[in-house]
Amino acid sequence: MPLIAKRMALQAILRYLDAIPSGRIIRVENHKNDRFFEIELREECVLIVEDGYTKNEFLIVRRKARGVVSDLIRHEFPRSRYLRIKLKRPARRADLHLSPWSARKVR
């Protein structure tokens, strides 16, 4: 997904929360991909996993997601102008096959 302006990110995330079915994950990251937070939709609640300046997990009701997401955007991306929003499915643990050739090269 292309980059989106930070000032429009909150509205886009909230639209995705209303539109996509439960079980999907919304990932919000900065341009360098070194900080992110993920929002996993469940039936009546939302699990937010923060991995950036701090590492936290929040399990909240959907109607309170707006305040938490807004605070996370301000806290995790203070100097970013653009954010990347990705939609993905959760990884299935049973189908997970890790081989030494599937890992990403780290320089």
C-alpha atoms as a PDB file:
ATOM      1  CA  MET A   1       0.000   0.000   0.000  1.00  0.00           C
ATOM      2  CA  PRO A   2       1.373   3.465  -0.785  1.00  0.00           C
ATOM      3  CA  LEU A   3       2.322   6.035   1.802  1.00  0.00           C
ATOM      4  CA  ILE A   4      -0.451   8.120   3.330  1.00  0.00           C
ATOM      5  CA  ALA A   5      -0.160  11.512   5.026  1.00  0.00           C
ATOM      6  CA  LYS A   6       0.047  11.236   8.811  1.00  0.00           C
ATOM      7  CA  ARG A   7      -2.791  13.716   9.309  1.00  0.00           C
ATOM      8  CA  MET A   8      -5.111  11.430   7.303  1.00  0.00           C
ATOM      9  CA  ALA A   9      -3.920   8.147   8.828  1.00  0.00           C
ATOM     10  CA  LEU A  10      -6.341   8.103  11.770  1.00  0.00           C
ATOM     11  CA  GLN A  11      -9.394   8.455   9.529  1.00  0.00           C
ATOM     12  CA  ALA A  12      -8.098   5.735   7.177  1.00  0.00           C
ATOM     13  CA  ILE A  13      -7.444   3.333  10.063  1.00  0.00           C
ATOM     14  CA  LEU A  14     -10.911   3.912  11.513  1.00  0.00           C
ATOM     15  CA  ARG A  15     -12.494   3.288   8.101  1.00  0.00           C
ATOM     16  CA  TYR A  16     -10.587  -0.005   7.855  1.00  0.00           C
ATOM     17  CA  LEU A  17     -11.737  -0.975  11.362  1.00  0.00           C
ATOM     18  CA  ASP A  18     -15.357  -0.605  10.253  1.00  0.00           C
ATOM     19  CA  ALA A  19     -14.959  -2.206   6.833  1.00  0.00           C
ATOM     20  CA  ILE A  20     -12.813  -5.322   7.221  1.00  0.00           C
ATOM     21  CA  PRO A  21     -13.965  -8.540   8.929  1.00  0.00           C
ATOM     22  CA  SER A  22     -12.648  -9.752  12.271  1.00  0.00           C
ATOM     23  CA  GLY A  23      -9.461 -11.753  12.245  1.00  0.00           C
ATOM     24  CA  ARG A  24      -7.605  -9.344   9.948  1.00  0.00           C
ATOM     25  CA  ILE A  25      -4.627  -7.220  10.965  1.00  0.00           C
ATOM     26  CA  ILE A  26      -3.971  -3.576  10.155  1.00  0.00           C
ATOM     27  CA  ARG A  27      -0.266  -2.717  10.305  1.00  0.00           C
ATOM     28  CA  VAL A  28       0.837   0.919  10.521  1.00  0.00           C
ATOM     29  CA  GLU A  29       4.539   1.603   9.992  1.00  0.00           C
ATOM     30  CA  ASN A  30       6.819   4.507   9.270  1.00  0.00           C
ATOM     31  CA  HIS A  31       8.760   5.023   6.056  1.00  0.00           C
ATOM     32  CA  LYS A  32      11.865   3.175   7.310  1.00  0.00           C
ATOM     33  CA  ASN A  33       9.844   0.223   8.680  1.00  0.00           C
ATOM     34  CA  ASP A  34      11.695   0.285  12.003  1.00  0.00           C
ATOM     35  CA  ARG A  35       8.647   1.240  14.108  1.00  0.00           C
ATOM     36  CA  PHE A  36       5.119  -0.077  13.766  1.00  0.00           C
ATOM     37  CA  PHE A  37       1.953  -1.048  15.533  1.00  0.00           C
ATOM     38  CA  GLU A  38      -0.557  -3.707  14.549  1.00  0.00           C
ATOM     39  CA  ILE A  39      -4.281  -3.718  15.157  1.00  0.00           C
ATOM     40  CA  GLU A  40      -5.887  -7.167  15.179  1.00  0.00           C
ATOM     41  CA  LEU A  41      -9.659  -7.217  14.932  1.00  0.00           C
ATOM     42  CA  ARG A  42     -11.570  -9.630  17.112  1.00  0.00           C
ATOM     43  CA  GLU A  43     -15.324 -10.045  17.573  1.00  0.00           C
ATOM     44  CA  GLU A  44     -15.962  -7.361  20.187  1.00  0.00           C
ATOM     45  CA  CYS A  45     -12.496  -6.114  20.995  1.00  0.00           C
ATOM     46  CA  VAL A  46      -9.283  -4.963  19.371  1.00  0.00           C
ATOM     47  CA  LEU A  47      -5.752  -6.149  20.146  1.00  0.00           C
ATOM     48  CA  ILE A  48      -3.113  -3.495  19.499  1.00  0.00           C
ATOM     49  CA  VAL A  49       0.547  -4.530  19.532  1.00  0.00           C
ATOM     50  CA  GLU A  50       3.055  -1.676  19.634  1.00  0.00           C
ATOM     51  CA  ASP A  51       6.663  -2.280  18.570  1.00  0.00           C
ATOM     52  CA  GLY A  52       8.705   0.885  18.327  1.00  0.00           C
ATOM     53  CA  TYR A  53      10.024   3.192  21.008  1.00  0.00           C
ATOM     54  CA  THR A  54       8.167   1.001  23.490  1.00  0.00           C
ATOM     55  CA  LYS A  55       6.709  -2.486  23.256  1.00  0.00           C
ATOM     56  CA  ASN A  56       3.153  -2.759  24.571  1.00  0.00           C
ATOM     57  CA  GLU A  57      -0.028  -4.702  24.006  1.00  0.00           C
ATOM     58  CA  PHE A  58      -3.514  -3.276  24.472  1.00  0.00           C
ATOM     59  CA  LEU A  59      -6.757  -5.241  24.518  1.00  0.00           C
ATOM     60  CA  ILE A  60      -9.568  -2.711  24.264  1.00  0.00           C
ATOM     61  CA  VAL A  61     -13.176  -2.357  23.161  1.00  0.00           C
ATOM     62  CA  ARG A  62     -13.646  -1.171  19.558  1.00  0.00           C
ATOM     63  CA  ARG A  63     -15.253   2.133  20.481  1.00  0.00           C
ATOM     64  CA  LYS A  64     -12.146   3.172  22.479  1.00  0.00           C
ATOM     65  CA  ALA A  65      -9.765   2.375  19.640  1.00  0.00           C
ATOM     66  CA  ARG A  66      -9.846   5.926  18.276  1.00  0.00           C
ATOM     67  CA  GLY A  67      -8.157   7.444  21.340  1.00  0.00           C
ATOM     68  CA  VAL A  68      -5.528   4.731  21.664  1.00  0.00           C
ATOM     69  CA  VAL A  69      -4.637   4.774  17.947  1.00  0.00           C
ATOM     70  CA  SER A  70      -4.413   8.565  17.986  1.00  0.00           C
ATOM     71  CA  ASP A  71      -2.029   8.466  20.963  1.00  0.00           C
ATOM     72  CA  LEU A  72       0.065   5.746  19.319  1.00  0.00           C
ATOM     73  CA  ILE A  73       0.433   7.733  16.102  1.00  0.00           C
ATOM     74  CA  ARG A  74       1.639  10.764  18.063  1.00  0.00           C
ATOM     75  CA  HIS A  75       3.961   8.691  20.275  1.00  0.00           C
ATOM     76  CA  GLU A  76       5.497   6.325  17.711  1.00  0.00           C
ATOM     77  CA  PHE A  77       5.771   8.647  14.713  1.00  0.00           C
ATOM     78  CA  PRO A  78       6.526  12.140  16.073  1.00  0.00           C
ATOM     79  CA  ARG A  79       8.641  13.312  13.131  1.00  0.00           C
ATOM     80  CA  SER A  80       7.098  11.258  10.326  1.00  0.00           C
ATOM     81  CA  ARG A  81       5.052  12.989   7.657  1.00  0.00           C
ATOM     82  CA  TYR A  82       3.908   9.823   5.901  1.00  0.00           C
ATOM     83  CA  LEU A  83       2.833   6.418   7.194  1.00  0.00           C
ATOM     84  CA  ARG A  84       2.326   3.095   5.469  1.00  0.00           C
ATOM     85  CA  ILE A  85      -0.847   1.139   6.235  1.00  0.00           C
ATOM     86  CA  LYS A  86      -0.983  -2.557   5.338  1.00  0.00           C
ATOM     87  CA  LEU A  87      -3.795  -5.075   5.640  1.00  0.00           C
ATOM     88  CA  LYS A  88      -2.871  -8.678   6.263  1.00  0.00           C
ATOM     89  CA  ARG A  89      -4.159 -11.953   7.559  1.00  0.00           C
ATOM     90  CA  PRO A  90      -2.775 -13.468  10.754  1.00  0.00           C
ATOM     91  CA  ALA A  91      -0.122 -16.134  10.337  1.00  0.00           C
ATOM     92  CA  ARG A  92      -1.320 -19.657  10.962  1.00  0.00           C
ATOM     93  CA  ARG A  93       0.972 -21.455  13.359  1.00  0.00           C
ATOM     94  CA  ALA A  94       0.211 -24.924  11.922  1.00  0.00           C
ATOM     95  CA  ASP A  95       1.066 -23.866   8.367  1.00  0.00           C
ATOM     96  CA  LEU A  96       4.215 -22.025   9.376  1.00  0.00           C
ATOM     97  CA  HIS A  97       7.214 -23.631   7.706  1.00  0.00           C
ATOM     98  CA  LEU A  98      10.565 -22.070   8.409  1.00  0.00           C
ATOM     99  CA  SER A  99      13.574 -23.215   6.502  1.00  0.00           C
ATOM    100  CA  PRO A 100      17.014 -21.611   6.470  1.00  0.00           C
ATOM    101  CA  TRP A 101      16.342 -20.504   2.890  1.00  0.00           C
ATOM    102  CA  SER A 102      13.124 -18.653   3.699  1.00  0.00           C
ATOM    103  CA  ALA A 103      14.727 -16.167   6.069  1.00  0.00           C
ATOM    104  CA  ARG A 104      15.420 -12.647   4.905  1.00  0.00           C
ATOM    105  CA  LYS A 105      19.057 -11.684   4.480  1.00  0.00           C
ATOM    106  CA  VAL A 106      20.351  -9.290   7.105  1.00  0.00           C
ATOM    107  CA  ARG A 107      23.399  -7.270   6.277  1.00  0.00           C
END
